């Protein structure tokens, strides 16, 4: 892993793949209070024109930033985080959905760094401009 004091643009600082299941969605719904049926009922998702049951956007966003937590060591170093949602993550009833996150140094200054997160599902980017600014000193 790359030390915070020695970051170089282009360094990969963390990566992981998380498998989401329907159980993951139910657990997240309970924790967040978001019980929209598009996140657990195939019939409702189909009725509103969706390709299937979708992972909660905030769940995807949270697991993305969580990827850098072990590397960062202290989440209080996170100064800013933002994403743009572009594609849904469809969670198959049997196979689930594998979401892959790669965290790469995008910019460095005297006191902080921008970590760019590439978040994909089935080879398609699902979050764009997923950037975390972290304090390096």
C-alpha atoms as a PDB file:
ATOM      1  CA  UNK A   1       0.000   0.000   0.000  1.00  0.00           C
ATOM      2  CA  UNK A   2       1.097   3.550  -0.691  1.00  0.00           C
ATOM      3  CA  UNK A   3       1.877   5.810   2.281  1.00  0.00           C
ATOM      4  CA  UNK A   4      -0.113   9.044   2.462  1.00  0.00           C
ATOM      5  CA  UNK A   5       3.067  11.150   2.445  1.00  0.00           C
ATOM      6  CA  UNK A   6       4.436   9.569  -0.741  1.00  0.00           C
ATOM      7  CA  UNK A   7       1.469   9.546  -3.107  1.00  0.00           C
ATOM      8  CA  UNK A   8       2.071   9.674  -6.840  1.00  0.00           C
ATOM      9  CA  UNK A   9      -0.622  10.384  -9.423  1.00  0.00           C
ATOM     10  CA  UNK A  10      -1.650   7.081 -10.972  1.00  0.00           C
ATOM     11  CA  UNK A  11      -0.905   4.914  -7.918  1.00  0.00           C
ATOM     12  CA  UNK A  12      -3.588   2.321  -7.200  1.00  0.00           C
ATOM     13  CA  UNK A  13      -4.128   2.557  -3.437  1.00  0.00           C
ATOM     14  CA  UNK A  14      -6.947   0.029  -3.028  1.00  0.00           C
ATOM     15  CA  UNK A  15      -9.192  -2.289  -4.973  1.00  0.00           C
ATOM     16  CA  UNK A  16     -11.829  -4.872  -4.241  1.00  0.00           C
ATOM     17  CA  UNK A  17     -14.858  -6.665  -5.595  1.00  0.00           C
ATOM     18  CA  UNK A  18     -17.997  -6.851  -3.476  1.00  0.00           C
ATOM     19  CA  UNK A  19     -20.758  -9.318  -4.191  1.00  0.00           C
ATOM     20  CA  UNK A  20     -24.190  -7.891  -3.544  1.00  0.00           C
ATOM     21  CA  UNK A  21     -27.041 -10.332  -2.981  1.00  0.00           C
ATOM     22  CA  UNK A  22     -30.735  -9.884  -2.432  1.00  0.00           C
ATOM     23  CA  UNK A  23     -29.973 -10.393   1.259  1.00  0.00           C
ATOM     24  CA  UNK A  24     -27.524  -7.461   1.073  1.00  0.00           C
ATOM     25  CA  UNK A  25     -30.343  -5.296  -0.273  1.00  0.00           C
ATOM     26  CA  UNK A  26     -32.756  -6.336   2.475  1.00  0.00           C
ATOM     27  CA  UNK A  27     -30.135  -5.646   5.147  1.00  0.00           C
ATOM     28  CA  UNK A  28     -29.359  -2.244   3.638  1.00  0.00           C
ATOM     29  CA  UNK A  29     -33.066  -1.399   3.402  1.00  0.00           C
ATOM     30  CA  UNK A  30     -33.444  -2.151   7.093  1.00  0.00           C
ATOM     31  CA  UNK A  31     -30.417  -0.068   8.036  1.00  0.00           C
ATOM     32  CA  UNK A  32     -31.312   2.887   5.805  1.00  0.00           C
ATOM     33  CA  UNK A  33     -35.086   2.799   5.993  1.00  0.00           C
ATOM     34  CA  UNK A  34     -35.302   2.754   2.182  1.00  0.00           C
ATOM     35  CA  UNK A  35     -37.934   0.100   1.523  1.00  0.00           C
ATOM     36  CA  UNK A  36     -38.721   1.075  -2.067  1.00  0.00           C
ATOM     37  CA  UNK A  37     -39.890  -2.225  -3.603  1.00  0.00           C
ATOM     38  CA  UNK A  38     -37.679  -1.782  -6.691  1.00  0.00           C
ATOM     39  CA  UNK A  39     -34.885  -2.935  -4.372  1.00  0.00           C
ATOM     40  CA  UNK A  40     -36.446  -6.305  -3.526  1.00  0.00           C
ATOM     41  CA  UNK A  41     -39.451  -7.153  -5.750  1.00  0.00           C
ATOM     42  CA  UNK A  42     -38.950  -8.300  -9.334  1.00  0.00           C
ATOM     43  CA  UNK A  43     -42.590  -7.653 -10.253  1.00  0.00           C
ATOM     44  CA  UNK A  44     -42.460  -4.025  -9.136  1.00  0.00           C
ATOM     45  CA  UNK A  45     -39.115  -3.428 -10.861  1.00  0.00           C
ATOM     46  CA  UNK A  46     -40.517  -4.885 -14.099  1.00  0.00           C
ATOM     47  CA  UNK A  47     -43.764  -2.890 -13.795  1.00  0.00           C
ATOM     48  CA  UNK A  48     -41.822   0.396 -13.753  1.00  0.00           C
ATOM     49  CA  UNK A  49     -39.626  -0.641 -16.690  1.00  0.00           C
ATOM     50  CA  UNK A  50     -36.451  -1.603 -14.842  1.00  0.00           C
ATOM     51  CA  UNK A  51     -34.277  -4.516 -15.992  1.00  0.00           C
ATOM     52  CA  UNK A  52     -34.563  -6.112 -12.538  1.00  0.00           C
ATOM     53  CA  UNK A  53     -34.195  -5.419  -8.841  1.00  0.00           C
ATOM     54  CA  UNK A  54     -31.661  -2.625  -8.321  1.00  0.00           C
ATOM     55  CA  UNK A  55     -29.095  -2.073  -5.603  1.00  0.00           C
ATOM     56  CA  UNK A  56     -29.674   1.126  -3.653  1.00  0.00           C
ATOM     57  CA  UNK A  57     -27.572   3.940  -5.091  1.00  0.00           C
ATOM     58  CA  UNK A  58     -26.353   4.946  -1.657  1.00  0.00           C
ATOM     59  CA  UNK A  59     -25.315   1.340  -0.969  1.00  0.00           C
ATOM     60  CA  UNK A  60     -23.173   1.368  -4.111  1.00  0.00           C
ATOM     61  CA  UNK A  61     -21.762   4.766  -3.164  1.00  0.00           C
ATOM     62  CA  UNK A  62     -20.970   3.577   0.365  1.00  0.00           C
ATOM     63  CA  UNK A  63     -19.229   0.379  -0.658  1.00  0.00           C
ATOM     64  CA  UNK A  64     -17.180   2.374  -3.175  1.00  0.00           C
ATOM     65  CA  UNK A  65     -15.749   4.784  -0.607  1.00  0.00           C
ATOM     66  CA  UNK A  66     -15.400   1.956   1.908  1.00  0.00           C
ATOM     67  CA  UNK A  67     -12.794   0.444  -0.398  1.00  0.00           C
ATOM     68  CA  UNK A  68     -10.215   3.026   0.690  1.00  0.00           C
ATOM     69  CA  UNK A  69     -10.907   2.702   4.423  1.00  0.00           C
ATOM     70  CA  UNK A  70      -8.194   0.078   5.170  1.00  0.00           C
ATOM     71  CA  UNK A  71      -5.604   2.041   3.180  1.00  0.00           C
ATOM     72  CA  UNK A  72      -6.610   5.386   4.663  1.00  0.00           C
ATOM     73  CA  UNK A  73      -6.617   4.083   8.219  1.00  0.00           C
ATOM     74  CA  UNK A  74      -8.734   6.910   9.589  1.00  0.00           C
ATOM     75  CA  UNK A  75     -11.967   7.911   7.861  1.00  0.00           C
ATOM     76  CA  UNK A  76     -11.700  11.324   9.551  1.00  0.00           C
ATOM     77  CA  UNK A  77      -9.134  12.054   6.817  1.00  0.00           C
ATOM     78  CA  UNK A  78     -11.961  12.170   4.260  1.00  0.00           C
ATOM     79  CA  UNK A  79     -12.596  15.822   3.455  1.00  0.00           C
ATOM     80  CA  UNK A  80     -15.052  15.488   0.588  1.00  0.00           C
ATOM     81  CA  UNK A  81     -16.759  12.753  -1.421  1.00  0.00           C
ATOM     82  CA  UNK A  82     -19.036  12.892  -4.418  1.00  0.00           C
ATOM     83  CA  UNK A  83     -20.269  10.736  -7.281  1.00  0.00           C
ATOM     84  CA  UNK A  84     -22.599  10.848 -10.239  1.00  0.00           C
ATOM     85  CA  UNK A  85     -24.868   7.845 -10.755  1.00  0.00           C
ATOM     86  CA  UNK A  86     -24.908   6.648 -14.372  1.00  0.00           C
ATOM     87  CA  UNK A  87     -26.046   3.014 -14.524  1.00  0.00           C
ATOM     88  CA  UNK A  88     -27.985   0.826 -12.129  1.00  0.00           C
ATOM     89  CA  UNK A  89     -26.602  -2.300 -10.487  1.00  0.00           C
ATOM     90  CA  UNK A  90     -29.075  -5.104 -11.178  1.00  0.00           C
ATOM     91  CA  UNK A  91     -28.941  -7.756  -8.459  1.00  0.00           C
ATOM     92  CA  UNK A  92     -29.897 -11.165  -9.827  1.00  0.00           C
ATOM     93  CA  UNK A  93     -31.956 -13.336  -7.495  1.00  0.00           C
ATOM     94  CA  UNK A  94     -29.495 -16.246  -7.792  1.00  0.00           C
ATOM     95  CA  UNK A  95     -26.160 -14.801  -8.894  1.00  0.00           C
ATOM     96  CA  UNK A  96     -26.264 -11.430  -7.157  1.00  0.00           C
ATOM     97  CA  UNK A  97     -24.046  -8.715  -8.606  1.00  0.00           C
ATOM     98  CA  UNK A  98     -20.300  -8.200  -8.360  1.00  0.00           C
ATOM     99  CA  UNK A  99     -19.303  -4.547  -8.009  1.00  0.00           C
ATOM    100  CA  UNK A 100     -15.625  -3.786  -8.582  1.00  0.00           C
ATOM    101  CA  UNK A 101     -13.905  -0.700  -7.199  1.00  0.00           C
ATOM    102  CA  UNK A 102     -10.418   0.533  -8.071  1.00  0.00           C
ATOM    103  CA  UNK A 103      -9.066   3.534  -6.140  1.00  0.00           C
ATOM    104  CA  UNK A 104      -6.331   5.495  -7.871  1.00  0.00           C
ATOM    105  CA  UNK A 105      -4.544   8.735  -6.981  1.00  0.00           C
ATOM    106  CA  UNK A 106      -5.869  11.425  -9.320  1.00  0.00           C
ATOM    107  CA  UNK A 107      -4.165  14.537  -7.925  1.00  0.00           C
ATOM    108  CA  UNK A 108      -1.906  15.531  -5.043  1.00  0.00           C
ATOM    109  CA  UNK A 109      -1.195  18.880  -3.400  1.00  0.00           C
ATOM    110  CA  UNK A 110       0.590  19.937  -0.210  1.00  0.00           C
ATOM    111  CA  UNK A 111      -2.143  18.865   2.201  1.00  0.00           C
ATOM    112  CA  UNK A 112      -4.548  16.569   0.361  1.00  0.00           C
ATOM    113  CA  UNK A 113      -5.007  14.108  -2.444  1.00  0.00           C
ATOM    114  CA  UNK A 114      -7.871  13.314  -4.767  1.00  0.00           C
ATOM    115  CA  UNK A 115      -8.599   9.625  -5.018  1.00  0.00           C
ATOM    116  CA  UNK A 116     -10.535   8.638  -8.128  1.00  0.00           C
ATOM    117  CA  UNK A 117     -12.781   5.613  -7.764  1.00  0.00           C
ATOM    118  CA  UNK A 118     -13.625   3.492 -10.783  1.00  0.00           C
ATOM    119  CA  UNK A 119     -16.813   1.617  -9.879  1.00  0.00           C
ATOM    120  CA  UNK A 120     -18.062  -1.003 -12.297  1.00  0.00           C
ATOM    121  CA  UNK A 121     -20.563  -3.814 -12.622  1.00  0.00           C
ATOM    122  CA  UNK A 122     -20.410  -6.311 -15.501  1.00  0.00           C
ATOM    123  CA  UNK A 123     -17.613  -4.247 -17.026  1.00  0.00           C
ATOM    124  CA  UNK A 124     -19.729  -1.060 -17.140  1.00  0.00           C
ATOM    125  CA  UNK A 125     -18.959   2.009 -15.050  1.00  0.00           C
ATOM    126  CA  UNK A 126     -21.879   2.678 -12.700  1.00  0.00           C
ATOM    127  CA  UNK A 127     -20.566   5.775 -10.897  1.00  0.00           C
ATOM    128  CA  UNK A 128     -18.684   8.574 -12.632  1.00  0.00           C
ATOM    129  CA  UNK A 129     -16.774  11.454 -11.108  1.00  0.00           C
ATOM    130  CA  UNK A 130     -16.481   9.266  -8.025  1.00  0.00           C
ATOM    131  CA  UNK A 131     -13.842  11.261  -6.203  1.00  0.00           C
ATOM    132  CA  UNK A 132     -12.695  11.373  -2.599  1.00  0.00           C
ATOM    133  CA  UNK A 133     -10.518  14.192  -1.310  1.00  0.00           C
ATOM    134  CA  UNK A 134      -8.418  13.046   1.640  1.00  0.00           C
ATOM    135  CA  UNK A 135      -6.130  14.893   4.033  1.00  0.00           C
ATOM    136  CA  UNK A 136      -2.547  13.662   3.701  1.00  0.00           C
ATOM    137  CA  UNK A 137      -0.936  15.599   6.566  1.00  0.00           C
END
